[in-house]
Structures are given as C-alpha cells and as structure tokens.
PDB file of N, CA and C in Angstrom:
ATOM      1  N   MET A   1       1.787 -24.858 -25.048  1.00  0.00           N
ATOM      2  CA  MET A   1       0.319 -24.029 -24.930  1.00  0.00           C
ATOM      3  C   MET A   1      -0.043 -23.290 -25.655  1.00  0.00           C
ATOM      4  N   ALA A   2      -1.558 -23.092 -25.809  1.00  0.00           N
ATOM      5  CA  ALA A   2      -1.879 -22.050 -27.200  1.00  0.00           C
ATOM      6  C   ALA A   2      -2.459 -21.071 -26.058  1.00  0.00           C
ATOM      7  N   LYS A   3      -2.392 -19.853 -26.542  1.00  0.00           N
ATOM      8  CA  LYS A   3      -2.781 -18.626 -25.359  1.00  0.00           C
ATOM      9  C   LYS A   3      -4.362 -18.632 -25.491  1.00  0.00           C
ATOM     10  N   LYS A   4      -4.500 -18.466 -24.004  1.00  0.00           N
ATOM     11  CA  LYS A   4      -6.314 -17.871 -23.818  1.00  0.00           C
ATOM     12  C   LYS A   4      -6.679 -16.813 -24.028  1.00  0.00           C
ATOM     13  N   PRO A   5      -7.723 -16.713 -25.120  1.00  0.00           N
ATOM     14  CA  PRO A   5      -8.226 -15.228 -25.650  1.00  0.00           C
ATOM     15  C   PRO A   5      -8.491 -14.352 -24.266  1.00  0.00           C
ATOM     16  N   THR A   6      -8.386 -12.950 -24.795  1.00  0.00           N
ATOM     17  CA  THR A   6      -9.149 -12.353 -23.608  1.00  0.00           C
ATOM     18  C   THR A   6     -10.451 -11.924 -23.707  1.00  0.00           C
ATOM     19  N   ILE A   7     -10.838 -11.819 -22.979  1.00  0.00           N
ATOM     20  CA  ILE A   7     -12.651 -11.734 -22.870  1.00  0.00           C
ATOM     21  C   ILE A   7     -13.175 -10.146 -22.626  1.00  0.00           C
ATOM     22  N   GLY A   8     -11.957  -9.657 -22.003  1.00  0.00           N
ATOM     23  CA  GLY A   8     -12.289  -7.776 -21.379  1.00  0.00           C
ATOM     24  C   GLY A   8     -10.928  -7.624 -20.739  1.00  0.00           C
ATOM     25  N   HIS A   9     -11.221  -7.160 -19.925  1.00  0.00           N
ATOM     26  CA  HIS A   9     -10.339  -5.995 -19.099  1.00  0.00           C
ATOM     27  C   HIS A   9     -11.079  -5.599 -17.992  1.00  0.00           C
ATOM     28  N   VAL A  10     -10.380  -5.413 -16.414  1.00  0.00           N
ATOM     29  CA  VAL A  10     -11.068  -4.618 -15.446  1.00  0.00           C
ATOM     30  C   VAL A  10      -9.477  -4.587 -15.048  1.00  0.00           C
ATOM     31  N   GLU A  11      -9.444  -3.319 -13.744  1.00  0.00           N
ATOM     32  CA  GLU A  11      -8.589  -3.707 -12.807  1.00  0.00           C
ATOM     33  C   GLU A  11      -7.882  -4.504 -11.889  1.00  0.00           C
ATOM     34  N   CYS A  12      -6.529  -4.437 -12.178  1.00  0.00           N
ATOM     35  CA  CYS A  12      -5.918  -5.721 -11.525  1.00  0.00           C
ATOM     36  C   CYS A  12      -6.349  -5.510  -9.502  1.00  0.00           C
ATOM     37  N   THR A  13      -6.498  -6.447  -9.388  1.00  0.00           N
ATOM     38  CA  THR A  13      -6.749  -6.155  -7.815  1.00  0.00           C
ATOM     39  C   THR A  13      -5.621  -6.441  -6.932  1.00  0.00           C
ATOM     40  N   VAL A  14      -4.193  -6.833  -7.520  1.00  0.00           N
ATOM     41  CA  VAL A  14      -3.199  -6.746  -6.773  1.00  0.00           C
ATOM     42  C   VAL A  14      -2.549  -5.396  -7.205  1.00  0.00           C
ATOM     43  N   CYS A  15      -2.088  -4.885  -8.202  1.00  0.00           N
ATOM     44  CA  CYS A  15      -1.407  -3.529  -8.233  1.00  0.00           C
ATOM     45  C   CYS A  15      -2.408  -2.405  -9.106  1.00  0.00           C
ATOM     46  N   GLY A  16      -3.403  -2.520  -9.336  1.00  0.00           N
ATOM     47  CA  GLY A  16      -4.522  -1.479  -9.588  1.00  0.00           C
ATOM     48  C   GLY A  16      -4.097  -0.899 -11.153  1.00  0.00           C
ATOM     49  N   PHE A  17      -3.660  -1.651 -11.717  1.00  0.00           N
ATOM     50  CA  PHE A  17      -3.475  -1.749 -13.508  1.00  0.00           C
ATOM     51  C   PHE A  17      -4.477  -1.907 -14.186  1.00  0.00           C
ATOM     52  N   PRO A  18      -4.897  -0.505 -14.765  1.00  0.00           N
ATOM     53  CA  PRO A  18      -6.174  -0.479 -15.289  1.00  0.00           C
ATOM     54  C   PRO A  18      -7.098  -1.500 -16.286  1.00  0.00           C
ATOM     55  N   ASP A  19      -6.036  -2.326 -17.030  1.00  0.00           N
ATOM     56  CA  ASP A  19      -6.121  -3.145 -18.134  1.00  0.00           C
ATOM     57  C   ASP A  19      -5.847  -4.069 -18.083  1.00  0.00           C
ATOM     58  N   ALA A  20      -5.925  -4.837 -16.920  1.00  0.00           N
ATOM     59  CA  ALA A  20      -5.599  -6.268 -16.792  1.00  0.00           C
ATOM     60  C   ALA A  20      -6.488  -7.400 -17.627  1.00  0.00           C
ATOM     61  N   HIS A  21      -6.149  -8.096 -18.210  1.00  0.00           N
ATOM     62  CA  HIS A  21      -6.987  -9.042 -18.584  1.00  0.00           C
ATOM     63  C   HIS A  21      -7.455  -9.775 -18.258  1.00  0.00           C
ATOM     64  N   VAL A  22      -8.970  -9.975 -18.896  1.00  0.00           N
ATOM     65  CA  VAL A  22      -9.637 -11.350 -18.027  1.00  0.00           C
ATOM     66  C   VAL A  22     -10.200 -12.470 -19.129  1.00  0.00           C
ATOM     67  N   LYS A  23      -9.449 -13.608 -18.369  1.00  0.00           N
ATOM     68  CA  LYS A  23      -9.519 -14.466 -19.645  1.00  0.00           C
ATOM     69  C   LYS A  23     -10.759 -15.277 -18.917  1.00  0.00           C
ATOM     70  N   GLU A  24     -10.775 -16.996 -19.963  1.00  0.00           N
ATOM     71  CA  GLU A  24     -11.789 -18.160 -19.418  1.00  0.00           C
ATOM     72  C   GLU A  24     -10.599 -19.365 -18.803  1.00  0.00           C
ATOM     73  N   ASP A  25     -10.744 -20.085 -17.569  1.00  0.00           N
ATOM     74  CA  ASP A  25     -10.070 -21.310 -17.528  1.00  0.00           C
ATOM     75  C   ASP A  25     -10.595 -22.337 -17.978  1.00  0.00           C
ATOM     76  N   LYS A  26     -10.178 -23.433 -17.833  1.00  0.00           N
ATOM     77  CA  LYS A  26     -11.034 -24.286 -18.404  1.00  0.00           C
ATOM     78  C   LYS A  26     -12.637 -25.428 -18.435  1.00  0.00           C
ATOM     79  N   ASN A  27     -12.698 -24.849 -16.737  1.00  0.00           N
ATOM     80  CA  ASN A  27     -13.924 -24.503 -16.540  1.00  0.00           C
ATOM     81  C   ASN A  27     -15.218 -23.668 -16.721  1.00  0.00           C
ATOM     82  N   GLY A  28     -14.630 -22.944 -17.810  1.00  0.00           N
ATOM     83  CA  GLY A  28     -15.374 -21.678 -18.426  1.00  0.00           C
ATOM     84  C   GLY A  28     -15.723 -20.345 -17.310  1.00  0.00           C
ATOM     85  N   HIS A  29     -15.041 -20.592 -15.657  1.00  0.00           N
ATOM     86  CA  HIS A  29     -15.011 -19.392 -15.372  1.00  0.00           C
ATOM     87  C   HIS A  29     -13.716 -18.695 -15.555  1.00  0.00           C
ATOM     88  N   ALA A  30     -14.199 -17.247 -15.353  1.00  0.00           N
ATOM     89  CA  ALA A  30     -13.479 -16.254 -15.849  1.00  0.00           C
ATOM     90  C   ALA A  30     -12.328 -16.050 -14.296  1.00  0.00           C
ATOM     91  N   TYR A  31     -11.020 -15.672 -14.984  1.00  0.00           N
ATOM     92  CA  TYR A  31      -9.922 -15.314 -14.188  1.00  0.00           C
ATOM     93  C   TYR A  31      -9.015 -14.118 -14.612  1.00  0.00           C
ATOM     94  N   ILE A  32      -8.509 -13.156 -13.552  1.00  0.00           N
ATOM     95  CA  ILE A  32      -8.005 -11.867 -13.855  1.00  0.00           C
ATOM     96  C   ILE A  32      -6.572 -12.156 -14.458  1.00  0.00           C
ATOM     97  N   HIS A  33      -5.890 -11.633 -15.071  1.00  0.00           N
ATOM     98  CA  HIS A  33      -4.139 -12.014 -15.706  1.00  0.00           C
ATOM     99  C   HIS A  33      -3.909 -11.014 -15.970  1.00  0.00           C
ATOM    100  N   CYS A  34      -2.906  -9.934 -14.786  1.00  0.00           N
ATOM    101  CA  CYS A  34      -2.261  -8.746 -14.812  1.00  0.00           C
ATOM    102  C   CYS A  34      -0.887  -9.259 -15.699  1.00  0.00           C
ATOM    103  N   ALA A  35      -1.096  -9.416 -17.048  1.00  0.00           N
ATOM    104  CA  ALA A  35      -0.028  -9.834 -17.622  1.00  0.00           C
ATOM    105  C   ALA A  35       1.423  -8.861 -18.108  1.00  0.00           C
ATOM    106  N   ASP A  36       0.642  -6.934 -18.279  1.00  0.00           N
ATOM    107  CA  ASP A  36       1.448  -6.330 -18.670  1.00  0.00           C
ATOM    108  C   ASP A  36       2.566  -5.708 -17.175  1.00  0.00           C
ATOM    109  N   ASN A  37       2.014  -6.317 -16.122  1.00  0.00           N
ATOM    110  CA  ASN A  37       2.236  -5.445 -14.875  1.00  0.00           C
ATOM    111  C   ASN A  37       2.782  -6.267 -14.060  1.00  0.00           C
ATOM    112  N   CYS A  38       2.435  -6.759 -13.547  1.00  0.00           N
ATOM    113  CA  CYS A  38       2.636  -7.635 -11.954  1.00  0.00           C
ATOM    114  C   CYS A  38       2.950  -8.824 -12.180  1.00  0.00           C
ATOM    115  N   GLN A  39       2.130  -9.669 -13.207  1.00  0.00           N
ATOM    116  CA  GLN A  39       1.978 -10.826 -13.297  1.00  0.00           C
ATOM    117  C   GLN A  39       0.844 -11.593 -12.572  1.00  0.00           C
ATOM    118  N   ALA A  40       0.098 -11.072 -12.147  1.00  0.00           N
ATOM    119  CA  ALA A  40      -0.410 -11.431 -11.085  1.00  0.00           C
ATOM    120  C   ALA A  40      -2.177 -12.238 -11.879  1.00  0.00           C
ATOM    121  N   GLN A  41      -2.459 -13.349 -11.292  1.00  0.00           N
ATOM    122  CA  GLN A  41      -3.566 -14.431 -11.325  1.00  0.00           C
ATOM    123  C   GLN A  41      -4.186 -14.176 -10.309  1.00  0.00           C
ATOM    124  N   THR A  42      -5.792 -13.945 -10.709  1.00  0.00           N
ATOM    125  CA  THR A  42      -6.639 -14.025  -9.395  1.00  0.00           C
ATOM    126  C   THR A  42      -7.799 -14.766 -10.129  1.00  0.00           C
ATOM    127  N   PHE A  43      -7.640 -15.925  -9.432  1.00  0.00           N
ATOM    128  CA  PHE A  43      -9.383 -17.112 -10.091  1.00  0.00           C
ATOM    129  C   PHE A  43     -10.563 -16.827  -9.121  1.00  0.00           C
ATOM    130  N   THR A  44     -11.456 -17.015  -9.828  1.00  0.00           N
ATOM    131  CA  THR A  44     -12.743 -16.668  -9.480  1.00  0.00           C
ATOM    132  C   THR A  44     -13.378 -18.143  -8.751  1.00  0.00           C
ATOM    133  N   ARG A  45     -13.148 -19.587  -9.439  1.00  0.00           N
ATOM    134  CA  ARG A  45     -13.074 -20.581  -8.633  1.00  0.00           C
ATOM    135  C   ARG A  45     -14.763 -21.092  -8.211  1.00  0.00           C
ATOM    136  N   ASN A  46     -15.443 -20.375  -8.475  1.00  0.00           N
ATOM    137  CA  ASN A  46     -16.940 -20.791  -8.157  1.00  0.00           C
ATOM    138  C   ASN A  46     -17.752 -19.501  -9.237  1.00  0.00           C
ATOM    139  N   ASP A  47     -19.083 -20.100  -9.481  1.00  0.00           N
ATOM    140  CA  ASP A  47     -20.640 -19.377 -10.092  1.00  0.00           C
ATOM    141  C   ASP A  47     -20.337 -17.859  -9.415  1.00  0.00           C
ATOM    142  N   PHE A  48     -20.581 -17.890  -8.311  1.00  0.00           N
ATOM    143  CA  PHE A  48     -20.644 -16.690  -7.804  1.00  0.00           C
ATOM    144  C   PHE A  48     -19.838 -15.355  -8.088  1.00  0.00           C
ATOM    145  N   ARG A  49     -18.788 -16.027  -7.834  1.00  0.00           N
ATOM    146  CA  ARG A  49     -17.343 -14.910  -7.965  1.00  0.00           C
ATOM    147  C   ARG A  49     -17.273 -14.682  -9.379  1.00  0.00           C
ATOM    148  N   ASN A  50     -17.503 -15.776 -10.305  1.00  0.00           N
ATOM    149  CA  ASN A  50     -17.420 -15.802 -11.454  1.00  0.00           C
ATOM    150  C   ASN A  50     -18.229 -14.718 -12.229  1.00  0.00           C
ATOM    151  N   SER A  51     -19.858 -14.396 -11.687  1.00  0.00           N
ATOM    152  CA  SER A  51     -20.515 -14.014 -12.020  1.00  0.00           C
ATOM    153  C   SER A  51     -20.256 -12.297 -11.931  1.00  0.00           C
ATOM    154  N   LYS A  52     -19.727 -12.020 -10.338  1.00  0.00           N
ATOM    155  CA  LYS A  52     -19.341 -11.067 -10.242  1.00  0.00           C
ATOM    156  C   LYS A  52     -18.032 -10.134 -10.787  1.00  0.00           C
ATOM    157  N   LEU A  53     -17.545 -10.860 -11.210  1.00  0.00           N
ATOM    158  CA  LEU A  53     -16.308 -10.509 -12.258  1.00  0.00           C
ATOM    159  C   LEU A  53     -16.900 -10.021 -13.466  1.00  0.00           C
ATOM    160  N   ARG A  54     -17.435 -11.374 -14.215  1.00  0.00           N
ATOM    161  CA  ARG A  54     -18.011 -10.461 -15.535  1.00  0.00           C
ATOM    162  C   ARG A  54     -18.891  -9.312 -15.578  1.00  0.00           C
ATOM    163  N   GLU A  55     -19.459  -8.950 -14.399  1.00  0.00           N
ATOM    164  CA  GLU A  55     -20.388  -8.124 -14.115  1.00  0.00           C
ATOM    165  C   GLU A  55     -19.162  -6.710 -14.328  1.00  0.00           C
ATOM    166  N   ARG A  56     -17.912  -7.018 -13.605  1.00  0.00           N
ATOM    167  CA  ARG A  56     -16.887  -5.350 -13.676  1.00  0.00           C
ATOM    168  C   ARG A  56     -16.171  -5.319 -15.108  1.00  0.00           C
ATOM    169  N   MET A  57     -16.284  -6.705 -15.647  1.00  0.00           N
ATOM    170  CA  MET A  57     -15.324  -6.503 -16.943  1.00  0.00           C
ATOM    171  C   MET A  57     -15.852  -5.615 -17.857  1.00  0.00           C
ATOM    172  N   ARG A  58     -14.579  -4.878 -18.792  1.00  0.00           N
ATOM    173  CA  ARG A  58     -15.298  -3.871 -20.022  1.00  0.00           C
ATOM    174  C   ARG A  58     -15.248  -5.634 -20.967  1.00  0.00           C
ATOM    175  N   ALA A  59     -15.852  -5.752 -21.761  1.00  0.00           N
ATOM    176  CA  ALA A  59     -16.074  -6.886 -22.327  1.00  0.00           C
ATOM    177  C   ALA A  59     -15.328  -6.566 -23.985  1.00  0.00           C
ATOM    178  N   VAL A  60     -14.356  -7.397 -24.522  1.00  0.00           N
ATOM    179  CA  VAL A  60     -14.324  -7.435 -25.822  1.00  0.00           C
ATOM    180  C   VAL A  60     -14.478  -7.585 -26.875  1.00  0.00           C
ATOM    181  N   THR A  61     -14.921  -6.636 -28.001  1.00  0.00           N
ATOM    182  CA  THR A  61     -16.195  -7.153 -28.818  1.00  0.00           C
ATOM    183  C   THR A  61     -15.314  -7.883 -30.357  1.00  0.00           C
ATOM    184  N   VAL A  62     -15.968  -8.692 -30.411  1.00  0.00           N
ATOM    185  CA  VAL A  62     -15.329  -9.210 -31.843  1.00  0.00           C
ATOM    186  C   VAL A  62     -16.625  -9.110 -33.122  1.00  0.00           C
ATOM    187  N   THR A  63     -16.330  -8.380 -34.425  1.00  0.00           N
ATOM    188  CA  THR A  63     -17.098  -7.930 -35.329  1.00  0.00           C
ATOM    189  C   THR A  63     -16.310  -9.138 -36.430  1.00  0.00           C
ATOM    190  N   VAL A  64     -17.257 -10.144 -37.342  1.00  0.00           N
ATOM    191  CA  VAL A  64     -17.055 -10.656 -38.182  1.00  0.00           C
ATOM    192  C   VAL A  64     -17.812 -10.281 -39.483  1.00  0.00           C
ATOM    193  N   THR A  65     -17.327  -9.889 -40.538  1.00  0.00           N
ATOM    194  CA  THR A  65     -17.648  -9.532 -41.977  1.00  0.00           C
ATOM    195  C   THR A  65     -17.141 -10.568 -43.104  1.00  0.00           C
ATOM    196  N   ASP A  66     -17.961 -10.969 -43.889  1.00  0.00           N
ATOM    197  CA  ASP A  66     -17.165 -11.922 -44.665  1.00  0.00           C
ATOM    198  C   ASP A  66     -15.571 -12.157 -44.512  1.00  0.00           C
ATOM    199  N   ASP A  67     -14.705 -11.697 -44.848  1.00  0.00           N
ATOM    200  CA  ASP A  67     -13.408 -12.320 -44.747  1.00  0.00           C
ATOM    201  C   ASP A  67     -12.532 -11.484 -43.528  1.00  0.00           C
ATOM    202  N   THR A  68     -13.280 -10.216 -42.741  1.00  0.00           N
ATOM    203  CA  THR A  68     -12.361  -9.656 -41.874  1.00  0.00           C
ATOM    204  C   THR A  68     -12.898  -9.543 -40.855  1.00  0.00           C
ATOM    205  N   VAL A  69     -12.027  -9.871 -39.703  1.00  0.00           N
ATOM    206  CA  VAL A  69     -12.586 -10.031 -38.489  1.00  0.00           C
ATOM    207  C   VAL A  69     -11.972  -8.502 -37.690  1.00  0.00           C
ATOM    208  N   THR A  70     -12.306  -7.791 -36.736  1.00  0.00           N
ATOM    209  CA  THR A  70     -12.439  -6.942 -36.186  1.00  0.00           C
ATOM    210  C   THR A  70     -12.871  -6.989 -34.495  1.00  0.00           C
ATOM    211  N   VAL A  71     -11.427  -6.244 -34.118  1.00  0.00           N
ATOM    212  CA  VAL A  71     -11.073  -6.755 -32.588  1.00  0.00           C
ATOM    213  C   VAL A  71     -11.445  -5.257 -32.019  1.00  0.00           C
ATOM    214  N   THR A  72     -12.200  -5.074 -31.158  1.00  0.00           N
ATOM    215  CA  THR A  72     -12.795  -3.705 -30.459  1.00  0.00           C
ATOM    216  C   THR A  72     -12.556  -3.600 -29.427  1.00  0.00           C
ATOM    217  N   ALA A  73     -10.899  -3.513 -28.848  1.00  0.00           N
ATOM    218  CA  ALA A  73     -10.912  -3.199 -27.243  1.00  0.00           C
ATOM    219  C   ALA A  73     -11.795  -2.437 -26.463  1.00  0.00           C
ATOM    220  N   PRO A  74     -11.675  -2.471 -25.553  1.00  0.00           N
ATOM    221  CA  PRO A  74     -12.648  -1.793 -24.536  1.00  0.00           C
ATOM    222  C   PRO A  74     -11.968  -0.126 -24.150  1.00  0.00           C
ATOM    223  N   GLU A  75     -12.643   0.527 -24.105  1.00  0.00           N
ATOM    224  CA  GLU A  75     -12.501   1.708 -23.487  1.00  0.00           C
ATOM    225  C   GLU A  75     -11.641   1.910 -22.913  1.00  0.00           C
ATOM    226  N   PRO A  76     -10.349   3.118 -22.608  1.00  0.00           N
ATOM    227  CA  PRO A  76      -9.720   2.745 -20.982  1.00  0.00           C
ATOM    228  C   PRO A  76     -10.333   3.382 -19.920  1.00  0.00           C
ATOM    229  N   ALA A  77      -9.896   2.719 -18.905  1.00  0.00           N
ATOM    230  CA  ALA A  77     -10.884   3.125 -17.828  1.00  0.00           C
ATOM    231  C   ALA A  77     -10.507   4.431 -17.004  1.00  0.00           C
ATOM    232  N   PRO A  78     -11.345   5.789 -17.004  1.00  0.00           N
ATOM    233  CA  PRO A  78     -11.155   6.711 -16.867  1.00  0.00           C
ATOM    234  C   PRO A  78     -10.215   6.590 -15.471  1.00  0.00           C
ATOM    235  N   ALA A  79      -9.271   7.608 -15.501  1.00  0.00           N
ATOM    236  CA  ALA A  79      -8.335   7.968 -14.638  1.00  0.00           C
ATOM    237  C   ALA A  79      -8.828   8.228 -13.318  1.00  0.00           C
ATOM    238  N   THR A  80      -8.648   7.600 -12.257  1.00  0.00           N
ATOM    239  CA  THR A  80      -9.141   7.878 -10.767  1.00  0.00           C
ATOM    240  C   THR A  80      -8.150   7.862 -10.180  1.00  0.00           C
ATOM    241  N   ALA A  81      -8.242   9.378  -8.822  1.00  0.00           N
ATOM    242  CA  ALA A  81      -7.739   9.507  -7.557  1.00  0.00           C
ATOM    243  C   ALA A  81      -7.277   8.329  -7.118  1.00  0.00           C
ATOM    244  N   PRO A  82      -5.883   8.248  -6.469  1.00  0.00           N
ATOM    245  CA  PRO A  82      -5.472   7.083  -5.659  1.00  0.00           C
ATOM    246  C   PRO A  82      -6.328   7.267  -4.362  1.00  0.00           C
ATOM    247  N   PRO A  83      -6.422   5.725  -3.981  1.00  0.00           N
ATOM    248  CA  PRO A  83      -6.791   5.779  -2.684  1.00  0.00           C
ATOM    249  C   PRO A  83      -6.280   6.735  -1.305  1.00  0.00           C
ATOM    250  N   PRO A  84      -7.068   6.925  -0.445  1.00  0.00           N
ATOM    251  CA  PRO A  84      -6.580   8.123   0.711  1.00  0.00           C
ATOM    252  C   PRO A  84      -5.764   7.008   0.926  1.00  0.00           C
ATOM    253  N   ALA A  85      -4.295   7.678   1.733  1.00  0.00           N
ATOM    254  CA  ALA A  85      -3.516   7.076   2.549  1.00  0.00           C
ATOM    255  C   ALA A  85      -3.878   6.735   4.353  1.00  0.00           C
ATOM    256  N   ILE A  86      -4.082   5.783   4.128  1.00  0.00           N
ATOM    257  CA  ILE A  86      -4.086   5.282   5.659  1.00  0.00           C
ATOM    258  C   ILE A  86      -2.937   5.180   6.822  1.00  0.00           C
ATOM    259  N   ASP A  87      -3.722   6.545   7.623  1.00  0.00           N
ATOM    260  CA  ASP A  87      -2.598   6.373   8.869  1.00  0.00           C
ATOM    261  C   ASP A  87      -2.249   5.429   9.468  1.00  0.00           C
ATOM    262  N   LYS A  88      -0.964   5.621   9.903  1.00  0.00           N
ATOM    263  CA  LYS A  88      -0.184   3.740  10.687  1.00  0.00           C
ATOM    264  C   LYS A  88      -0.854   3.965  12.102  1.00  0.00           C
ATOM    265  N   VAL A  89      -1.495   3.099  12.911  1.00  0.00           N
ATOM    266  CA  VAL A  89      -1.718   2.668  14.080  1.00  0.00           C
ATOM    267  C   VAL A  89      -1.134   2.543  14.950  1.00  0.00           C
ATOM    268  N   PRO A  90      -0.064   2.786  15.701  1.00  0.00           N
ATOM    269  CA  PRO A  90       0.965   1.914  16.515  1.00  0.00           C
ATOM    270  C   PRO A  90       0.242   0.879  17.472  1.00  0.00           C
ATOM    271  N   PRO A  91       1.411  -0.219  17.018  1.00  0.00           N
ATOM    272  CA  PRO A  91       0.806  -1.109  18.191  1.00  0.00           C
ATOM    273  C   PRO A  91       0.422  -0.746  19.180  1.00  0.00           C
ATOM    274  N   VAL A  92      -0.340  -2.051  19.877  1.00  0.00           N
ATOM    275  CA  VAL A  92      -0.747  -1.970  21.197  1.00  0.00           C
ATOM    276  C   VAL A  92      -0.008  -2.410  22.161  1.00  0.00           C
ATOM    277  N   LYS A  93       0.551  -2.470  23.257  1.00  0.00           N
ATOM    278  CA  LYS A  93       1.799  -2.481  24.102  1.00  0.00           C
ATOM    279  C   LYS A  93       1.134  -3.472  24.533  1.00  0.00           C
ATOM    280  N   LYS A  94       1.184  -4.730  24.802  1.00  0.00           N
ATOM    281  CA  LYS A  94       0.357  -5.872  25.847  1.00  0.00           C
ATOM    282  C   LYS A  94       1.170  -5.705  27.107  1.00  0.00           C
ATOM    283  N   PRO A  95       0.496  -6.040  28.481  1.00  0.00           N
ATOM    284  CA  PRO A  95       1.320  -5.918  29.584  1.00  0.00           C
ATOM    285  C   PRO A  95       2.024  -7.110  29.857  1.00  0.00           C
ATOM    286  N   GLY A  96       2.796  -6.772  30.800  1.00  0.00           N
ATOM    287  CA  GLY A  96       4.388  -7.354  30.903  1.00  0.00           C
ATOM    288  C   GLY A  96       3.893  -9.018  31.286  1.00  0.00           C
ATOM    289  N   GLY A  97       2.424  -9.396  31.734  1.00  0.00           N
ATOM    290  CA  GLY A  97       2.162 -10.745  32.145  1.00  0.00           C
ATOM    291  C   GLY A  97       2.692 -10.720  33.615  1.00  0.00           C
ATOM    292  N   TRP A  98       2.712 -11.751  34.165  1.00  0.00           N
ATOM    293  CA  TRP A  98       2.908 -12.353  35.465  1.00  0.00           C
ATOM    294  C   TRP A  98       3.701 -11.612  36.467  1.00  0.00           C
ATOM    295  N   LEU A  99       5.147 -11.492  35.450  1.00  0.00           N
ATOM    296  CA  LEU A  99       6.634 -11.393  36.135  1.00  0.00           C
ATOM    297  C   LEU A  99       6.321  -9.584  36.110  1.00  0.00           C
ATOM    298  N   GLN A 100       5.875  -9.062  35.483  1.00  0.00           N
ATOM    299  CA  GLN A 100       6.195  -7.457  35.571  1.00  0.00           C
ATOM    300  C   GLN A 100       5.769  -7.067  37.100  1.00  0.00           C
ATOM    301  N   PRO A 101       4.559  -7.473  38.020  1.00  0.00           N
ATOM    302  CA  PRO A 101       4.455  -6.700  39.175  1.00  0.00           C
ATOM    303  C   PRO A 101       5.489  -7.167  39.940  1.00  0.00           C
ATOM    304  N   LEU A 102       5.985  -7.949  40.110  1.00  0.00           N
ATOM    305  CA  LEU A 102       6.996  -8.530  40.908  1.00  0.00           C
ATOM    306  C   LEU A 102       8.870  -7.471  40.328  1.00  0.00           C
ATOM    307  N   LEU A 103       8.694  -7.535  39.029  1.00  0.00           N
ATOM    308  CA  LEU A 103       9.841  -6.416  38.932  1.00  0.00           C
ATOM    309  C   LEU A 103       9.537  -5.323  39.606  1.00  0.00           C
ATOM    310  N   ALA A 104       8.677  -4.732  39.395  1.00  0.00           N
ATOM    311  CA  ALA A 104       8.281  -3.148  39.682  1.00  0.00           C
ATOM    312  C   ALA A 104       8.346  -2.789  40.986  1.00  0.00           C
ATOM    313  N   LYS A 105       7.949  -4.140  41.916  1.00  0.00           N
ATOM    314  CA  LYS A 105       8.428  -3.707  43.219  1.00  0.00           C
ATOM    315  C   LYS A 105       9.992  -3.803  43.663  1.00  0.00           C
ATOM    316  N   GLY A 106      10.579  -4.081  42.997  1.00  0.00           N
ATOM    317  CA  GLY A 106      12.360  -4.610  43.079  1.00  0.00           C
ATOM    318  C   GLY A 106      12.630  -3.246  43.182  1.00  0.00           C
TER     319      GLY A 106
END
C-alpha cells in the first residue's frame, strides 16, 4: 500500500507531540497520524470535524517549477508551557446502604 502524502502538521491529541502528520483518508477527510511518537491515529469522520482540523493544521507547501519540486515544511510549533497539574480529588465515600444503621447499633 502506498504511503499517503502529508498535507499538514498539528499537535497530537494523544501525546501532545507538536508535529503530528495530517493526511487525507479515502473519503477526503483529514486525520491525524502521530507517526514519529505515539503512533496514534485520530479520524474526523464528518465534514464539521474535518473543517475544524484543517483550520488548526499548519499546511505543507509544494512548489513545482520546471523539473524541480520544492516541499516546504511548516515552521515548528512554538514551545508552550505544559498544562497545569490537576489536583487529584479524593473519591466520595458512598453511604453504607441499608445495613449500615444495623451494624452501628450493635
């Protein structure tokens, strides 16, 4: 099977790798393939999601002059600070149910 050409780059939705490849499936919808890092594939499946992904991606530019083909990769994404850590909330204890009052009396 022939490799599909990369049409752009975007941050991976799974691992956050800044240059995951954006490719097109057989229906023309864009999908993310993080080939260089976590190997995840994220598919758009409909026109709304497809348009949102295409808005976010940094496109790859191909210039053809005479017999020369020049492919210009997008500029790398600017380094961003990692998201703030989320404090873990302890789980809420469930009441003991109908047996708890009987055990407490004993």
